[in-house]
C-alpha atoms as a PDB file:
ATOM      1  CA  UNK A   1     -30.833 187.389 376.171  1.00  0.00           C
ATOM      2  CA  UNK A   2     -29.519 185.909 379.544  1.00  0.00           C
ATOM      3  CA  UNK A   3     -28.021 182.872 378.393  1.00  0.00           C
ATOM      4  CA  UNK A   4     -25.715 184.988 376.027  1.00  0.00           C
ATOM      5  CA  UNK A   5     -24.841 187.574 378.429  1.00  0.00           C
ATOM      6  CA  UNK A   6     -23.633 184.684 380.879  1.00  0.00           C
ATOM      7  CA  UNK A   7     -22.009 183.124 378.092  1.00  0.00           C
ATOM      8  CA  UNK A   8     -20.272 186.769 377.475  1.00  0.00           C
ATOM      9  CA  UNK A   9     -18.982 186.894 381.356  1.00  0.00           C
ATOM     10  CA  UNK A  10     -18.039 183.161 381.042  1.00  0.00           C
ATOM     11  CA  UNK A  11     -15.741 183.666 378.079  1.00  0.00           C
ATOM     12  CA  UNK A  12     -14.891 186.988 380.087  1.00  0.00           C
ATOM     13  CA  UNK A  13     -13.567 184.952 382.860  1.00  0.00           C
ATOM     14  CA  UNK A  14     -11.864 182.238 380.343  1.00  0.00           C
ATOM     15  CA  UNK A  15      -9.778 185.350 379.062  1.00  0.00           C
ATOM     16  CA  UNK A  16      -8.674 186.729 382.715  1.00  0.00           C
ATOM     17  CA  UNK A  17      -7.447 183.131 383.498  1.00  0.00           C
ATOM     18  CA  UNK A  18      -5.250 182.962 380.432  1.00  0.00           C
ATOM     19  CA  UNK A  19      -4.179 186.343 381.001  1.00  0.00           C
ATOM     20  CA  UNK A  20      -3.161 185.420 384.463  1.00  0.00           C
ATOM     21  CA  UNK A  21      -1.304 181.976 383.708  1.00  0.00           C
ATOM     22  CA  UNK A  22       0.288 183.795 380.855  1.00  0.00           C
ATOM     23  CA  UNK A  23       1.785 186.440 383.529  1.00  0.00           C
ATOM     24  CA  UNK A  24       2.630 183.910 386.096  1.00  0.00           C
ATOM     25  CA  UNK A  25       4.930 181.916 383.168  1.00  0.00           C
ATOM     26  CA  UNK A  26       2.264 179.007 383.894  1.00  0.00           C
ATOM     27  CA  UNK A  27       1.567 178.261 379.919  1.00  0.00           C
ATOM     28  CA  UNK A  28       5.503 177.369 378.907  1.00  0.00           C
ATOM     29  CA  UNK A  29       4.770 173.923 378.946  1.00  0.00           C
ATOM     30  CA  UNK A  30       1.354 173.768 377.622  1.00  0.00           C
ATOM     31  CA  UNK A  31       2.819 175.745 374.816  1.00  0.00           C
ATOM     32  CA  UNK A  32       5.683 174.464 373.478  1.00  0.00           C
ATOM     33  CA  UNK A  33       4.194 170.787 373.529  1.00  0.00           C
ATOM     34  CA  UNK A  34       0.783 171.835 371.620  1.00  0.00           C
ATOM     35  CA  UNK A  35       3.308 174.073 369.443  1.00  0.00           C
ATOM     36  CA  UNK A  36       5.302 170.981 368.827  1.00  0.00           C
ATOM     37  CA  UNK A  37       2.740 168.634 367.856  1.00  0.00           C
ATOM     38  CA  UNK A  38       1.218 171.058 365.447  1.00  0.00           C
ATOM     39  CA  UNK A  39       4.362 171.244 363.973  1.00  0.00           C
ATOM     40  CA  UNK A  40       5.028 167.920 363.757  1.00  0.00           C
ATOM     41  CA  UNK A  41       2.535 167.504 360.947  1.00  0.00           C
ATOM     42  CA  UNK A  42       4.655 170.065 358.583  1.00  0.00           C
ATOM     43  CA  UNK A  43       4.341 169.205 355.317  1.00  0.00           C
ATOM     44  CA  UNK A  44       4.511 171.227 351.749  1.00  0.00           C
ATOM     45  CA  UNK A  45       1.112 170.956 350.920  1.00  0.00           C
ATOM     46  CA  UNK A  46      -0.320 171.867 354.500  1.00  0.00           C
ATOM     47  CA  UNK A  47       1.940 174.823 354.715  1.00  0.00           C
ATOM     48  CA  UNK A  48       0.596 175.881 351.486  1.00  0.00           C
ATOM     49  CA  UNK A  49      -2.904 175.501 352.771  1.00  0.00           C
ATOM     50  CA  UNK A  50      -1.898 177.349 356.217  1.00  0.00           C
ATOM     51  CA  UNK A  51      -0.289 180.124 354.461  1.00  0.00           C
ATOM     52  CA  UNK A  52      -3.596 180.728 352.069  1.00  0.00           C
ATOM     53  CA  UNK A  53      -5.625 181.090 355.430  1.00  0.00           C
ATOM     54  CA  UNK A  54      -3.164 183.472 356.756  1.00  0.00           C
ATOM     55  CA  UNK A  55      -3.923 185.612 353.650  1.00  0.00           C
ATOM     56  CA  UNK A  56      -7.827 185.061 353.799  1.00  0.00           C
ATOM     57  CA  UNK A  57      -7.626 186.257 357.605  1.00  0.00           C
ATOM     58  CA  UNK A  58      -5.548 188.754 357.420  1.00  0.00           C
ATOM     59  CA  UNK A  59      -6.877 192.639 357.526  1.00  0.00           C
ATOM     60  CA  UNK A  60      -7.414 193.110 353.734  1.00  0.00           C
ATOM     61  CA  UNK A  61      -9.046 189.764 353.409  1.00  0.00           C
ATOM     62  CA  UNK A  62     -11.370 190.234 355.995  1.00  0.00           C
ATOM     63  CA  UNK A  63     -12.371 193.726 355.099  1.00  0.00           C
ATOM     64  CA  UNK A  64     -13.183 192.708 351.042  1.00  0.00           C
ATOM     65  CA  UNK A  65     -15.362 189.634 353.096  1.00  0.00           C
ATOM     66  CA  UNK A  66     -17.109 191.374 355.533  1.00  0.00           C
ATOM     67  CA  UNK A  67     -18.002 194.367 353.312  1.00  0.00           C
ATOM     68  CA  UNK A  68     -19.745 191.708 350.739  1.00  0.00           C
ATOM     69  CA  UNK A  69     -21.595 190.187 353.912  1.00  0.00           C
ATOM     70  CA  UNK A  70     -22.895 193.308 354.637  1.00  0.00           C
ATOM     71  CA  UNK A  71     -23.459 194.314 350.953  1.00  0.00           C
ATOM     72  CA  UNK A  72     -25.890 190.983 351.120  1.00  0.00           C
ATOM     73  CA  UNK A  73     -27.614 191.425 354.465  1.00  0.00           C
ATOM     74  CA  UNK A  74     -28.318 195.295 353.814  1.00  0.00           C
ATOM     75  CA  UNK A  75     -29.174 195.756 350.240  1.00  0.00           C
ATOM     76  CA  UNK A  76     -30.215 192.172 349.203  1.00  0.00           C
ATOM     77  CA  UNK A  77     -31.581 190.901 352.186  1.00  0.00           C
ATOM     78  CA  UNK A  78     -33.028 194.362 353.563  1.00  0.00           C
ATOM     79  CA  UNK A  79     -31.918 192.790 357.325  1.00  0.00           C
ATOM     80  CA  UNK A  80     -30.802 196.247 358.925  1.00  0.00           C
ATOM     81  CA  UNK A  81     -30.774 195.354 362.606  1.00  0.00           C
ATOM     82  CA  UNK A  82     -28.698 191.810 361.543  1.00  0.00           C
ATOM     83  CA  UNK A  83     -26.736 193.910 359.056  1.00  0.00           C
ATOM     84  CA  UNK A  84     -25.410 196.141 362.447  1.00  0.00           C
ATOM     85  CA  UNK A  85     -24.866 192.618 364.407  1.00  0.00           C
ATOM     86  CA  UNK A  86     -22.302 192.002 361.811  1.00  0.00           C
ATOM     87  CA  UNK A  87     -20.731 194.790 362.162  1.00  0.00           C
ATOM     88  CA  UNK A  88     -20.729 195.551 365.667  1.00  0.00           C
ATOM     89  CA  UNK A  89     -19.086 191.937 365.844  1.00  0.00           C
ATOM     90  CA  UNK A  90     -16.545 192.274 363.371  1.00  0.00           C
ATOM     91  CA  UNK A  91     -15.326 195.771 364.021  1.00  0.00           C
ATOM     92  CA  UNK A  92     -15.211 195.603 367.635  1.00  0.00           C
ATOM     93  CA  UNK A  93     -13.868 192.174 367.650  1.00  0.00           C
ATOM     94  CA  UNK A  94     -10.698 194.124 365.500  1.00  0.00           C
ATOM     95  CA  UNK A  95     -10.820 196.801 367.904  1.00  0.00           C
ATOM     96  CA  UNK A  96     -10.576 195.231 371.302  1.00  0.00           C
ATOM     97  CA  UNK A  97      -7.451 192.368 369.622  1.00  0.00           C
ATOM     98  CA  UNK A  98      -5.555 196.008 368.969  1.00  0.00           C
ATOM     99  CA  UNK A  99      -6.449 197.355 372.297  1.00  0.00           C
ATOM    100  CA  UNK A 100      -5.426 193.965 373.956  1.00  0.00           C
ATOM    101  CA  UNK A 101      -2.030 193.648 371.586  1.00  0.00           C
ATOM    102  CA  UNK A 102      -1.011 196.984 373.011  1.00  0.00           C
ATOM    103  CA  UNK A 103      -1.767 196.358 376.513  1.00  0.00           C
ATOM    104  CA  UNK A 104       0.093 192.866 377.245  1.00  0.00           C
ATOM    105  CA  UNK A 105       2.882 193.504 374.270  1.00  0.00           C
ATOM    106  CA  UNK A 106       3.619 190.229 374.196  1.00  0.00           C
ATOM    107  CA  UNK A 107       6.357 188.799 371.774  1.00  0.00           C
ATOM    108  CA  UNK A 108       5.609 186.424 368.882  1.00  0.00           C
ATOM    109  CA  UNK A 109       7.725 183.097 368.809  1.00  0.00           C
ATOM    110  CA  UNK A 110      11.026 182.898 367.704  1.00  0.00           C
ATOM    111  CA  UNK A 111      12.163 179.548 366.989  1.00  0.00           C
ATOM    112  CA  UNK A 112      10.365 177.595 364.326  1.00  0.00           C
ATOM    113  CA  UNK A 113       8.693 180.513 362.469  1.00  0.00           C
ATOM    114  CA  UNK A 114       7.681 179.768 358.799  1.00  0.00           C
ATOM    115  CA  UNK A 115       6.311 183.389 357.992  1.00  0.00           C
ATOM    116  CA  UNK A 116       7.314 186.843 359.201  1.00  0.00           C
ATOM    117  CA  UNK A 117       4.318 188.469 360.917  1.00  0.00           C
ATOM    118  CA  UNK A 118       4.888 192.138 362.392  1.00  0.00           C
ATOM    119  CA  UNK A 119       3.093 193.181 365.782  1.00  0.00           C
ATOM    120  CA  UNK A 120       2.690 191.475 368.983  1.00  0.00           C
ATOM    121  CA  UNK A 121       1.158 187.880 369.420  1.00  0.00           C
ATOM    122  CA  UNK A 122      -1.131 188.029 372.116  1.00  0.00           C
ATOM    123  CA  UNK A 123      -4.020 187.764 371.436  1.00  0.00           C
ATOM    124  CA  UNK A 124      -4.384 186.223 367.546  1.00  0.00           C
ATOM    125  CA  UNK A 125      -5.926 188.888 365.269  1.00  0.00           C
ATOM    126  CA  UNK A 126      -6.585 185.848 362.871  1.00  0.00           C
ATOM    127  CA  UNK A 127      -8.186 183.552 365.414  1.00  0.00           C
ATOM    128  CA  UNK A 128     -10.077 186.531 367.061  1.00  0.00           C
ATOM    129  CA  UNK A 129     -11.509 187.100 362.911  1.00  0.00           C
ATOM    130  CA  UNK A 130     -12.196 183.890 362.791  1.00  0.00           C
ATOM    131  CA  UNK A 131     -14.519 183.354 366.148  1.00  0.00           C
ATOM    132  CA  UNK A 132     -15.954 186.522 365.526  1.00  0.00           C
ATOM    133  CA  UNK A 133     -16.952 186.037 361.790  1.00  0.00           C
ATOM    134  CA  UNK A 134     -17.887 182.137 361.871  1.00  0.00           C
ATOM    135  CA  UNK A 135     -19.693 182.739 365.157  1.00  0.00           C
ATOM    136  CA  UNK A 136     -21.801 185.329 364.249  1.00  0.00           C
ATOM    137  CA  UNK A 137     -22.621 183.793 360.637  1.00  0.00           C
ATOM    138  CA  UNK A 138     -23.782 180.910 362.587  1.00  0.00           C
ATOM    139  CA  UNK A 139     -26.219 183.028 364.777  1.00  0.00           C
ATOM    140  CA  UNK A 140     -27.443 184.422 361.759  1.00  0.00           C
ATOM    141  CA  UNK A 141     -27.543 181.019 359.429  1.00  0.00           C
ATOM    142  CA  UNK A 142     -29.055 179.120 362.312  1.00  0.00           C
ATOM    143  CA  UNK A 143     -32.979 180.605 361.650  1.00  0.00           C
ATOM    144  CA  UNK A 144     -32.594 179.765 358.191  1.00  0.00           C
ATOM    145  CA  UNK A 145     -31.693 176.495 358.022  1.00  0.00           C
ATOM    146  CA  UNK A 146     -34.576 174.159 359.034  1.00  0.00           C
ATOM    147  CA  UNK A 147     -33.860 171.248 360.116  1.00  0.00           C
ATOM    148  CA  UNK A 148     -32.109 169.755 363.162  1.00  0.00           C
ATOM    149  CA  UNK A 149     -29.440 168.401 360.759  1.00  0.00           C
ATOM    150  CA  UNK A 150     -28.906 171.009 358.715  1.00  0.00           C
ATOM    151  CA  UNK A 151     -28.121 173.256 361.568  1.00  0.00           C
ATOM    152  CA  UNK A 152     -25.717 170.800 363.175  1.00  0.00           C
ATOM    153  CA  UNK A 153     -23.758 170.787 360.282  1.00  0.00           C
ATOM    154  CA  UNK A 154     -23.684 174.057 359.889  1.00  0.00           C
ATOM    155  CA  UNK A 155     -22.357 174.230 364.170  1.00  0.00           C
ATOM    156  CA  UNK A 156     -19.615 171.860 362.998  1.00  0.00           C
ATOM    157  CA  UNK A 157     -18.515 173.478 360.108  1.00  0.00           C
ATOM    158  CA  UNK A 158     -18.564 176.572 361.588  1.00  0.00           C
ATOM    159  CA  UNK A 159     -16.185 174.883 364.959  1.00  0.00           C
ATOM    160  CA  UNK A 160     -14.489 173.292 362.633  1.00  0.00           C
ATOM    161  CA  UNK A 161     -13.377 176.645 360.209  1.00  0.00           C
ATOM    162  CA  UNK A 162     -12.318 178.459 363.552  1.00  0.00           C
ATOM    163  CA  UNK A 163     -10.098 175.445 365.058  1.00  0.00           C
ATOM    164  CA  UNK A 164      -8.334 175.038 361.589  1.00  0.00           C
ATOM    165  CA  UNK A 165      -7.808 179.049 361.498  1.00  0.00           C
ATOM    166  CA  UNK A 166      -6.049 178.827 365.049  1.00  0.00           C
ATOM    167  CA  UNK A 167      -4.327 175.519 364.027  1.00  0.00           C
ATOM    168  CA  UNK A 168      -3.085 177.006 361.499  1.00  0.00           C
ATOM    169  CA  UNK A 169      -1.716 180.020 363.298  1.00  0.00           C
ATOM    170  CA  UNK A 170       0.517 177.630 365.673  1.00  0.00           C
ATOM    171  CA  UNK A 171       1.492 175.701 362.653  1.00  0.00           C
ATOM    172  CA  UNK A 172       3.157 178.656 361.096  1.00  0.00           C
ATOM    173  CA  UNK A 173       4.820 179.310 364.574  1.00  0.00           C
ATOM    174  CA  UNK A 174       3.628 182.881 364.574  1.00  0.00           C
ATOM    175  CA  UNK A 175       1.402 182.215 367.835  1.00  0.00           C
ATOM    176  CA  UNK A 176       1.445 180.316 371.103  1.00  0.00           C
ATOM    177  CA  UNK A 177      -1.427 178.155 371.744  1.00  0.00           C
ATOM    178  CA  UNK A 178      -1.990 180.860 374.598  1.00  0.00           C
ATOM    179  CA  UNK A 179      -2.432 182.894 372.055  1.00  0.00           C
ATOM    180  CA  UNK A 180      -4.826 180.802 370.142  1.00  0.00           C
ATOM    181  CA  UNK A 181      -6.876 180.590 373.770  1.00  0.00           C
ATOM    182  CA  UNK A 182      -7.210 183.636 374.574  1.00  0.00           C
ATOM    183  CA  UNK A 183      -8.471 184.922 371.505  1.00  0.00           C
ATOM    184  CA  UNK A 184     -11.205 182.576 371.115  1.00  0.00           C
ATOM    185  CA  UNK A 185     -12.096 183.875 375.248  1.00  0.00           C
ATOM    186  CA  UNK A 186     -11.706 187.491 374.035  1.00  0.00           C
ATOM    187  CA  UNK A 187     -13.876 187.010 370.551  1.00  0.00           C
ATOM    188  CA  UNK A 188     -16.629 185.241 372.511  1.00  0.00           C
ATOM    189  CA  UNK A 189     -17.200 187.569 375.216  1.00  0.00           C
ATOM    190  CA  UNK A 190     -17.633 190.186 372.280  1.00  0.00           C
ATOM    191  CA  UNK A 191     -19.380 187.977 370.060  1.00  0.00           C
ATOM    192  CA  UNK A 192     -22.066 186.832 373.423  1.00  0.00           C
ATOM    193  CA  UNK A 193     -22.292 190.211 374.208  1.00  0.00           C
ATOM    194  CA  UNK A 194     -23.554 191.659 370.912  1.00  0.00           C
ATOM    195  CA  UNK A 195     -25.587 189.008 370.314  1.00  0.00           C
ATOM    196  CA  UNK A 196     -27.217 189.487 373.623  1.00  0.00           C
ATOM    197  CA  UNK A 197     -27.463 193.216 373.015  1.00  0.00           C
ATOM    198  CA  UNK A 198     -29.142 192.345 369.469  1.00  0.00           C
ATOM    199  CA  UNK A 199     -31.611 189.462 371.115  1.00  0.00           C
ATOM    200  CA  UNK A 200     -32.521 191.999 373.541  1.00  0.00           C
ATOM    201  CA  UNK A 201     -33.573 195.190 371.041  1.00  0.00           C
ATOM    202  CA  UNK A 202     -35.769 192.664 369.141  1.00  0.00           C
ATOM    203  CA  UNK A 203     -37.291 190.950 372.189  1.00  0.00           C
ATOM    204  CA  UNK A 204     -38.090 195.185 373.053  1.00  0.00           C
ATOM    205  CA  UNK A 205     -39.172 195.921 369.535  1.00  0.00           C
ATOM    206  CA  UNK A 206     -41.830 192.814 369.517  1.00  0.00           C
ATOM    207  CA  UNK A 207     -42.924 193.731 373.004  1.00  0.00           C
ATOM    208  CA  UNK A 208     -43.939 197.464 371.657  1.00  0.00           C
ATOM    209  CA  UNK A 209     -45.383 196.265 368.256  1.00  0.00           C
ATOM    210  CA  UNK A 210     -47.419 193.962 370.053  1.00  0.00           C
ATOM    211  CA  UNK A 211     -48.262 197.017 372.489  1.00  0.00           C
ATOM    212  CA  UNK A 212     -49.407 198.888 369.409  1.00  0.00           C
ATOM    213  CA  UNK A 213     -51.399 195.877 367.716  1.00  0.00           C
ATOM    214  CA  UNK A 214     -52.028 193.387 370.189  1.00  0.00           C
ATOM    215  CA  UNK A 215     -53.092 191.130 367.467  1.00  0.00           C
ATOM    216  CA  UNK A 216     -49.834 190.718 366.092  1.00  0.00           C
ATOM    217  CA  UNK A 217     -47.968 187.240 366.977  1.00  0.00           C
ATOM    218  CA  UNK A 218     -51.465 185.760 368.531  1.00  0.00           C
END
């Protein structure tokens, strides 16, 4: 539990650092260079893929996917605490994103935009949703995968999908790279906070069960 709380604090500090850099205008060179590099790879095929990811990762797409996962966890697998964790991560991440957008009111990039997006730019809702979803799924599936190699591939897949989500937003020109960086820290903060709370609850539940029946777990 403690390690997740430490990670949550580190993520919060990372977010604060990005906020200060953006406020002081110190990310302009970074944003321009990274965006130029990513967008230099544009092609018809990559554009179609990025647009498809945008549809899947928007609010409606994530709601449908999240509902399916929730139904699977609660009704099929009967994992009630895990269902609560998943719901808390996804809902909380969305609310935090909306709140941060309203606080900072950063306008989206104007140049090299391939699609039109409404709302503010900082942080990216798609990226925060991606980090929340793939992060919590990695945590929930970790215990179900018995082998180290399987867990390694699971982690690689989660990180890859997060990275692709962020790169797609920069590729389409609807977010600055610093938006994406802030999204990782913001969603990471909430993700680790919720996982820490969940592990604390499970530990307390196990202690209570052991006190009632000392033979359990022995």
